[in-house]
Amino acid sequence: MAEEVIGTVKEVIKGIIDNVNAPKNESAPGEKKPSTPEGMAVAYSSLVVMAMLPIIFGSIRSVKLHKLKKSTGEKADTMTKKDAMYFPLIASAALFGLYLFFKIFQKVHINYLLTGYFFVLGVIALAHLLSPVINSLMPAAVPKVPFHILFTKGEGKHKEDIVNYKFSTHDIVCLVISSVIGVWYLLKKHWIANNLFGLAFAINGVEMLHLNNFVTGVILLSGLFFYDIFWVFGTNVMVTVAKSFEAPIKLVFPQDLIENGLHASNFAMLGLGDIVIPGIFIALLLRFDDSKKRKTRIYFYSTLIAYFLGLLATIFVMHVFKHAQPALLYLVPACMGTPLLVALIRGELKILFAYEDHPEEKPEKKEKKEKEEGTSSSSSKKKESKKGK
């Protein structure tokens, strides 16, 4: 068994090297009938709209979440510069690992595991997304009964919360609706159910994954720029995994919808990474705009338009060359260059680079604060000892 696995890995690596050196085939051997121009127009227009919506709504929700955490004093989870540098390497290892899995093991068994995993995540993500909508639509006659699940470890000062979750009857309704959609996805793998989960993942990702500053965003986008180019143009790994991976990690739309209706099967696709990665960067720009208390959201709107144009460029080049395109090749320059150009014109480059969602204390200030706390505690101890005497 070990020798077979090693042999398969060698064949895969050899195939990748051959793929790098070999000229690209413009199109795969025809498995599906070519799409009509109308069908392609509908499919790609729908994908562009579905890509824009998570970024818009996710960015708005990220501003609300940022304000909420600031008001409560809760420490936000943000991506550091080190995380941004390592992310393309980790993503590459994960992608190549999946590729090996699909080559070595049966695709059906792997997809069973992945489907179950993403079913649970998708139900939770969709329930979280539906919660404010259901709460606003729920009639007053339906009571909103609060619940609180609390499971702790230890006592007194050593007490720790293992599970601390608050929810209401309205949240249970959201969970039931999401579970029904999840069962539909499990049984039918329908593209509409896939897109509902995909949109939920994308909106939640843009809302909750926060870049702390502009430099971190530049590092992340720059690394993923080369990552996307290598795995799409240099090898067949990205395309193979995308086609083999039966999970809602991509948005799809049928190009033969006009001919075959809801049972269409010739899909155009867009990976969630091409939405979430630029999306968290655009959300950072909206939070930057919001911090300046301006009437216009110039950085957000201009970069959003640049993202839209980058998507159109990706689709155009893909249609002309009849080959899968690394979307970040077009999206990264558009999303990074636009705010830099706007900041240069407005004379705000220093302000843009200096902005931080959650300013970190400098080492000098930390030491000073620790000294002040140390002196205050020692003086209080002296006072207490004098009182005792």
Protein backbone atom coordinates (compact mmCIF):
# COMPACT_ATOMS: atom_id res chain seq x y z
CA MET A 1 0.00 0.00 0.00
CA ALA A 2 2.79 2.41 0.94
CA GLU A 3 4.62 1.70 -2.33
CA GLU A 4 1.43 2.33 -4.33
CA VAL A 5 0.86 5.67 -2.58
CA ILE A 6 4.48 6.74 -3.16
CA GLY A 7 4.19 5.68 -6.81
CA THR A 8 0.97 7.67 -7.23
CA VAL A 9 2.54 10.78 -5.63
CA LYS A 10 5.49 10.48 -8.03
CA GLU A 11 3.11 10.25 -10.99
CA VAL A 12 1.18 13.30 -9.77
CA ILE A 13 4.34 15.39 -9.34
CA LYS A 14 5.60 14.25 -12.76
CA GLY A 15 2.24 15.20 -14.24
CA ILE A 16 2.46 18.68 -12.71
CA ILE A 17 5.98 19.20 -14.10
CA ASP A 18 4.84 17.99 -17.55
CA ASN A 19 1.83 20.32 -17.30
CA VAL A 20 4.09 23.28 -16.55
CA ASN A 21 6.30 22.58 -19.57
CA ALA A 22 3.59 21.46 -21.98
CA PRO A 23 1.59 23.93 -24.10
CA LYS A 24 -1.94 24.52 -22.86
CA ASN A 25 -4.89 23.02 -24.66
CA GLU A 26 -7.37 25.71 -25.46
CA SER A 27 -10.31 23.49 -24.60
CA ALA A 28 -10.88 20.12 -23.04
CA PRO A 29 -12.21 17.31 -25.20
CA GLY A 30 -15.86 18.18 -25.73
CA GLU A 31 -17.87 16.66 -22.95
CA LYS A 32 -20.68 19.20 -23.12
CA LYS A 33 -22.38 21.05 -25.91
CA PRO A 34 -21.19 24.63 -26.39
CA SER A 35 -23.38 27.20 -24.68
CA THR A 36 -25.41 29.78 -26.54
CA PRO A 37 -24.32 33.44 -26.28
CA GLU A 38 -27.56 34.26 -24.45
CA GLY A 39 -27.03 31.44 -21.94
CA MET A 40 -23.45 32.53 -21.26
CA ALA A 41 -24.55 36.15 -20.82
CA VAL A 42 -27.19 35.13 -18.26
CA ALA A 43 -24.77 32.83 -16.40
CA TYR A 44 -21.87 35.27 -16.13
CA SER A 45 -24.10 38.24 -15.32
CA SER A 46 -25.65 36.22 -12.49
CA LEU A 47 -22.21 35.23 -11.17
CA VAL A 48 -21.07 38.86 -11.15
CA VAL A 49 -24.19 39.93 -9.23
CA MET A 50 -23.80 37.03 -6.78
CA ALA A 51 -20.15 38.01 -6.25
CA MET A 52 -20.94 41.67 -5.58
CA LEU A 53 -23.77 41.11 -3.09
CA PRO A 54 -21.71 39.27 -0.40
CA ILE A 55 -19.04 41.97 -0.52
CA ILE A 56 -21.58 44.79 -0.12
CA PHE A 57 -23.63 43.17 2.65
CA GLY A 58 -20.63 41.56 4.33
CA SER A 59 -18.76 44.90 4.43
CA ILE A 60 -21.75 46.70 5.99
CA ARG A 61 -22.10 43.93 8.58
CA SER A 62 -18.35 44.08 9.31
CA VAL A 63 -18.68 47.78 10.23
CA LYS A 64 -21.54 46.97 12.63
CA LEU A 65 -19.55 44.10 14.16
CA HIS A 66 -16.49 46.34 14.53
CA LYS A 67 -18.52 49.00 16.35
CA LEU A 68 -20.17 46.38 18.57
CA LYS A 69 -16.84 44.91 19.64
CA LYS A 70 -15.41 48.35 20.32
CA SER A 71 -18.39 49.32 22.47
CA THR A 72 -18.23 46.09 24.49
CA GLY A 73 -14.43 46.16 24.77
CA GLU A 74 -14.23 42.66 23.28
CA LYS A 75 -10.93 41.85 21.61
CA ALA A 76 -11.44 41.18 17.90
CA ASP A 77 -9.74 38.35 16.01
CA THR A 78 -7.72 40.01 13.26
CA MET A 79 -5.23 38.71 10.74
CA THR A 80 -1.63 39.72 11.52
CA LYS A 81 1.11 40.42 8.98
CA LYS A 82 2.68 37.07 9.82
CA ASP A 83 -0.64 35.29 9.19
CA ALA A 84 -0.96 37.08 5.85
CA MET A 85 2.55 36.00 4.78
CA TYR A 86 1.99 32.34 5.66
CA PHE A 87 -1.57 32.12 4.29
CA PRO A 88 -0.62 31.45 0.61
CA LEU A 89 1.79 28.68 1.72
CA ILE A 90 -0.85 27.05 3.94
CA ALA A 91 -3.46 27.38 1.17
CA SER A 92 -1.03 25.80 -1.33
CA ALA A 93 -0.35 22.85 0.98
CA ALA A 94 -4.09 22.32 1.54
CA LEU A 95 -4.87 22.56 -2.19
CA PHE A 96 -2.13 20.13 -3.20
CA GLY A 97 -3.15 17.79 -0.38
CA LEU A 98 -6.71 17.70 -1.72
CA TYR A 99 -5.38 17.09 -5.22
CA LEU A 100 -3.37 14.08 -3.98
CA PHE A 101 -6.40 12.76 -2.10
CA PHE A 102 -8.53 12.93 -5.24
CA LYS A 103 -5.82 11.14 -7.23
CA ILE A 104 -5.08 8.40 -4.66
CA PHE A 105 -8.49 7.68 -3.13
CA GLN A 106 -11.95 7.36 -4.60
CA LYS A 107 -13.56 10.73 -5.17
CA VAL A 108 -16.96 9.52 -3.94
CA HIS A 109 -15.77 8.66 -0.41
CA ILE A 110 -13.88 11.94 0.04
CA ASN A 111 -16.90 13.94 -1.12
CA TYR A 112 -19.12 12.11 1.39
CA LEU A 113 -16.91 13.38 4.23
CA LEU A 114 -16.64 16.88 2.78
CA THR A 115 -20.38 17.08 2.15
CA GLY A 116 -21.17 16.17 5.77
CA TYR A 117 -18.65 18.69 7.08
CA PHE A 118 -19.89 21.55 4.90
CA PHE A 119 -23.51 20.61 5.61
CA VAL A 120 -23.01 21.42 9.32
CA LEU A 121 -21.03 24.60 8.57
CA GLY A 122 -23.55 25.68 5.92
CA VAL A 123 -26.56 25.28 8.21
CA ILE A 124 -24.86 27.36 10.93
CA ALA A 125 -23.73 30.05 8.45
CA LEU A 126 -27.16 30.29 6.80
CA ALA A 127 -28.94 30.42 10.18
CA HIS A 128 -26.65 33.27 11.28
CA LEU A 129 -27.41 35.12 8.04
CA LEU A 130 -31.18 34.58 8.26
CA SER A 131 -31.43 35.58 11.95
CA PRO A 132 -31.98 39.36 11.49
CA VAL A 133 -34.36 38.75 8.56
CA ILE A 134 -36.50 36.24 10.48
CA ASN A 135 -36.52 38.46 13.57
CA SER A 136 -37.88 41.38 11.55
CA LEU A 137 -40.51 39.28 9.75
CA MET A 138 -41.67 37.28 12.75
CA PRO A 139 -45.16 38.41 13.89
CA ALA A 140 -45.51 39.82 17.39
CA ALA A 141 -47.86 36.97 18.29
CA VAL A 142 -44.92 34.54 18.19
CA PRO A 143 -43.10 34.89 21.52
CA LYS A 144 -39.33 35.40 21.54
CA VAL A 145 -38.27 33.16 24.44
CA PRO A 146 -34.58 33.46 25.35
CA PHE A 147 -32.41 30.42 26.17
CA HIS A 148 -28.90 30.20 27.57
CA ILE A 149 -26.70 27.10 27.43
CA LEU A 150 -23.83 27.41 29.90
CA PHE A 151 -21.28 24.68 30.58
CA THR A 152 -18.35 25.61 32.83
CA LYS A 153 -15.20 24.02 34.17
CA GLY A 154 -13.73 24.65 37.65
CA GLU A 155 -14.87 26.97 40.42
CA GLY A 156 -14.15 30.46 41.71
CA LYS A 157 -11.20 32.19 40.03
CA HIS A 158 -10.40 29.08 38.00
CA LYS A 159 -13.88 28.90 36.49
CA GLU A 160 -13.86 28.71 32.68
CA ASP A 161 -16.70 28.76 30.17
CA ILE A 162 -16.59 25.76 27.83
CA VAL A 163 -20.00 26.43 26.23
CA ASN A 164 -21.68 29.82 26.61
CA TYR A 165 -24.37 30.20 23.98
CA LYS A 166 -27.47 32.42 24.01
CA PHE A 167 -30.33 31.96 21.56
CA SER A 168 -34.09 32.41 21.24
CA THR A 169 -37.09 30.67 19.71
CA HIS A 170 -36.63 32.83 16.61
CA ASP A 171 -33.11 31.44 16.22
CA ILE A 172 -34.54 27.92 16.37
CA VAL A 173 -36.85 28.82 13.46
CA CYS A 174 -33.78 30.01 11.49
CA LEU A 175 -31.98 26.76 12.27
CA VAL A 176 -34.97 24.67 11.09
CA ILE A 177 -35.22 26.60 7.79
CA SER A 178 -31.45 26.29 7.23
CA SER A 179 -31.57 22.56 8.03
CA VAL A 180 -34.34 22.01 5.44
CA ILE A 181 -32.16 23.73 2.80
CA GLY A 182 -29.23 21.63 4.01
CA VAL A 183 -31.16 18.37 3.58
CA TRP A 184 -32.20 19.53 0.09
CA TYR A 185 -28.52 20.08 -0.72
CA LEU A 186 -27.53 16.68 0.71
CA LEU A 187 -30.16 14.79 -1.28
CA LYS A 188 -30.15 16.66 -4.60
CA LYS A 189 -26.89 18.68 -4.68
CA HIS A 190 -28.97 21.26 -6.52
CA TRP A 191 -27.11 24.35 -7.72
CA ILE A 192 -29.57 26.73 -6.01
CA ALA A 193 -28.98 25.05 -2.62
CA ASN A 194 -25.23 25.16 -3.32
CA ASN A 195 -25.42 28.90 -4.02
CA LEU A 196 -27.46 29.61 -0.88
CA PHE A 197 -24.76 27.97 1.25
CA GLY A 198 -22.01 29.61 -0.82
CA LEU A 199 -23.51 33.09 -0.39
CA ALA A 200 -23.89 32.47 3.36
CA PHE A 201 -20.22 31.44 3.63
CA ALA A 202 -19.11 34.47 1.61
CA ILE A 203 -21.15 37.05 3.57
CA ASN A 204 -20.10 35.61 6.93
CA GLY A 205 -16.48 35.46 5.78
CA VAL A 206 -16.39 39.12 4.70
CA GLU A 207 -18.18 40.12 7.92
CA MET A 208 -16.04 38.19 10.42
CA LEU A 209 -12.55 37.91 8.86
CA HIS A 210 -10.94 41.24 9.66
CA LEU A 211 -7.71 42.68 8.32
CA ASN A 212 -6.33 45.04 10.95
CA ASN A 213 -4.61 47.45 8.57
CA PHE A 214 -3.91 48.23 4.93
CA VAL A 215 -0.37 46.78 4.92
CA THR A 216 -1.64 43.37 6.08
CA GLY A 217 -4.18 43.43 3.25
CA VAL A 218 -1.47 44.26 0.69
CA ILE A 219 0.70 41.36 1.93
CA LEU A 220 -2.22 38.93 1.78
CA LEU A 221 -3.41 39.97 -1.68
CA SER A 222 0.15 40.01 -3.10
CA GLY A 223 0.83 36.48 -1.87
CA LEU A 224 -2.46 35.11 -3.19
CA PHE A 225 -1.87 36.88 -6.52
CA PHE A 226 1.13 34.60 -7.22
CA TYR A 227 -0.60 31.61 -5.59
CA ASP A 228 -3.55 31.83 -7.98
CA ILE A 229 -1.41 32.34 -11.08
CA PHE A 230 0.83 29.35 -10.31
CA TRP A 231 -1.91 26.84 -9.45
CA VAL A 232 -4.11 27.79 -12.43
CA PHE A 233 -1.60 28.52 -15.21
CA GLY A 234 1.32 26.42 -13.99
CA THR A 235 -0.59 23.23 -13.18
CA ASN A 236 -3.98 21.59 -13.53
CA VAL A 237 -4.31 21.27 -9.74
CA MET A 238 -6.73 24.14 -9.11
CA VAL A 239 -9.07 23.22 -11.96
CA THR A 240 -9.04 19.52 -11.03
CA VAL A 241 -9.86 20.20 -7.38
CA ALA A 242 -12.58 22.72 -8.29
CA LYS A 243 -14.28 20.20 -10.59
CA SER A 244 -13.88 17.24 -8.21
CA PHE A 245 -14.77 19.04 -4.97
CA GLU A 246 -18.50 18.57 -4.36
CA ALA A 247 -19.03 21.18 -1.66
CA PRO A 248 -20.46 24.72 -1.61
CA ILE A 249 -17.04 26.42 -1.91
CA LYS A 250 -17.95 27.97 -5.24
CA LEU A 251 -20.88 29.79 -6.81
CA VAL A 252 -22.27 28.16 -9.94
CA PHE A 253 -24.81 29.15 -12.54
CA PRO A 254 -26.00 27.09 -15.53
CA GLN A 255 -25.17 28.34 -19.00
CA ASP A 256 -27.95 26.19 -20.44
CA LEU A 257 -30.67 27.54 -18.13
CA ILE A 258 -32.69 28.92 -21.05
CA GLU A 259 -32.74 25.52 -22.81
CA ASN A 260 -33.04 23.15 -19.82
CA GLY A 261 -34.54 25.26 -17.02
CA LEU A 262 -33.74 24.43 -13.38
CA HIS A 263 -32.38 21.02 -14.41
CA ALA A 264 -29.54 22.58 -16.42
CA SER A 265 -26.09 21.06 -15.95
CA ASN A 266 -23.49 23.07 -17.92
CA PHE A 267 -22.19 25.37 -15.19
CA ALA A 268 -20.02 28.47 -15.08
CA MET A 269 -18.34 28.80 -11.69
CA LEU A 270 -16.59 31.31 -9.43
CA GLY A 271 -14.63 30.24 -6.35
CA LEU A 272 -15.56 31.75 -2.98
CA GLY A 273 -11.91 32.72 -2.49
CA ASP A 274 -12.24 35.16 -5.39
CA ILE A 275 -15.06 36.83 -3.44
CA VAL A 276 -14.00 36.60 0.21
CA ILE A 277 -10.31 37.56 -0.17
CA PRO A 278 -10.93 40.82 -2.08
CA GLY A 279 -14.09 41.24 0.04
CA ILE A 280 -12.29 41.42 3.39
CA PHE A 281 -9.93 44.00 1.87
CA ILE A 282 -12.85 46.11 0.58
CA ALA A 283 -14.57 45.76 3.98
CA LEU A 284 -11.42 47.19 5.62
CA LEU A 285 -11.70 50.21 3.31
CA LEU A 286 -15.33 50.73 4.32
CA ARG A 287 -14.30 50.68 8.01
CA PHE A 288 -11.56 53.19 7.13
CA ASP A 289 -14.12 55.43 5.41
CA ASP A 290 -16.45 55.07 8.39
CA SER A 291 -13.70 56.02 10.86
CA LYS A 292 -13.23 59.37 9.06
CA LYS A 293 -16.93 60.31 9.52
CA ARG A 294 -17.23 61.42 5.91
CA LYS A 295 -20.44 61.75 3.92
CA THR A 296 -18.94 59.81 1.00
CA ARG A 297 -17.43 56.32 1.13
CA ILE A 298 -14.97 57.05 -1.66
CA TYR A 299 -12.45 54.27 -0.92
CA PHE A 300 -15.17 51.65 -0.57
CA TYR A 301 -17.18 52.59 -3.67
CA SER A 302 -14.17 53.14 -5.95
CA THR A 303 -12.61 49.77 -4.99
CA LEU A 304 -15.97 48.04 -5.34
CA ILE A 305 -16.24 49.39 -8.90
CA ALA A 306 -12.65 48.26 -9.56
CA TYR A 307 -13.55 44.76 -8.32
CA PHE A 308 -16.55 44.72 -10.69
CA LEU A 309 -14.35 45.72 -13.64
CA GLY A 310 -11.76 43.10 -12.61
CA LEU A 311 -14.45 40.39 -12.70
CA LEU A 312 -15.56 41.52 -16.14
CA ALA A 313 -11.93 41.39 -17.33
CA THR A 314 -11.60 37.83 -15.98
CA ILE A 315 -14.74 36.67 -17.79
CA PHE A 316 -13.71 38.41 -21.02
CA VAL A 317 -10.22 36.84 -21.09
CA MET A 318 -11.63 33.42 -20.16
CA HIS A 319 -14.16 33.66 -23.00
CA VAL A 320 -11.52 34.76 -25.54
CA PHE A 321 -8.85 32.16 -24.65
CA LYS A 322 -11.28 29.36 -23.69
CA HIS A 323 -9.22 28.52 -20.62
CA ALA A 324 -9.76 28.82 -16.86
CA GLN A 325 -8.37 32.09 -15.53
CA PRO A 326 -6.91 32.96 -12.11
CA ALA A 327 -9.39 35.65 -11.11
CA LEU A 328 -6.98 37.19 -8.61
CA LEU A 329 -4.62 38.00 -11.50
CA TYR A 330 -7.12 40.73 -12.45
CA LEU A 331 -8.81 41.41 -9.10
CA VAL A 332 -5.68 42.02 -6.98
CA PRO A 333 -4.20 44.85 -9.10
CA ALA A 334 -7.67 46.43 -9.37
CA CYS A 335 -8.43 46.22 -5.63
CA MET A 336 -4.94 47.23 -4.46
CA GLY A 337 -4.22 49.89 -7.05
CA THR A 338 -7.51 51.78 -6.74
CA PRO A 339 -7.30 52.82 -3.06
CA LEU A 340 -3.63 53.70 -3.51
CA LEU A 341 -4.51 55.93 -6.48
CA VAL A 342 -7.39 57.56 -4.57
CA ALA A 343 -5.17 58.14 -1.53
CA LEU A 344 -2.42 59.63 -3.73
CA ILE A 345 -4.87 62.03 -5.41
CA ARG A 346 -6.38 63.07 -2.06
CA GLY A 347 -2.99 63.29 -0.32
CA GLU A 348 -4.00 60.65 2.26
CA LEU A 349 -1.37 57.94 1.72
CA LYS A 350 0.07 58.32 5.24
CA ILE A 351 -3.41 58.33 6.79
CA LEU A 352 -4.38 55.19 4.86
CA PHE A 353 -1.23 53.29 5.86
CA ALA A 354 -1.47 54.48 9.47
CA TYR A 355 -5.07 53.35 9.95
CA GLU A 356 -5.67 50.35 12.20
CA ASP A 357 -8.98 48.77 13.17
CA HIS A 358 -7.59 47.91 16.59
CA PRO A 359 -4.46 49.98 17.34
CA GLU A 360 -1.80 47.91 19.08
CA GLU A 361 0.05 49.45 22.00
CA LYS A 362 3.70 50.22 21.31
CA PRO A 363 6.30 48.43 23.51
CA GLU A 364 7.32 51.73 25.15
CA LYS A 365 3.72 52.51 26.15
CA LYS A 366 3.23 48.96 27.42
CA GLU A 367 6.32 49.18 29.65
CA LYS A 368 5.22 52.58 30.97
CA LYS A 369 1.73 51.25 31.68
CA GLU A 370 3.14 48.19 33.47
CA LYS A 371 5.41 50.43 35.60
CA GLU A 372 2.50 52.69 36.52
CA GLU A 373 0.39 49.68 37.46
CA GLY A 374 3.30 48.29 39.48
CA THR A 375 3.84 51.53 41.41
CA SER A 376 0.12 51.97 42.07
CA SER A 377 -0.19 48.42 43.39
CA SER A 378 2.87 48.79 45.61
CA SER A 379 1.60 52.11 47.04
CA SER A 380 -1.80 50.57 47.78
CA LYS A 381 -0.09 47.68 49.56
CA LYS A 382 1.89 50.14 51.70
CA LYS A 383 -1.28 51.97 52.64
CA GLU A 384 -2.96 48.72 53.62
CA SER A 385 0.02 47.69 55.76
CA LYS A 386 -0.01 51.09 57.54
CA LYS A 387 -3.73 50.71 58.26
CA GLY A 388 -3.07 47.24 59.63
CA LYS A 389 -0.40 48.61 61.99
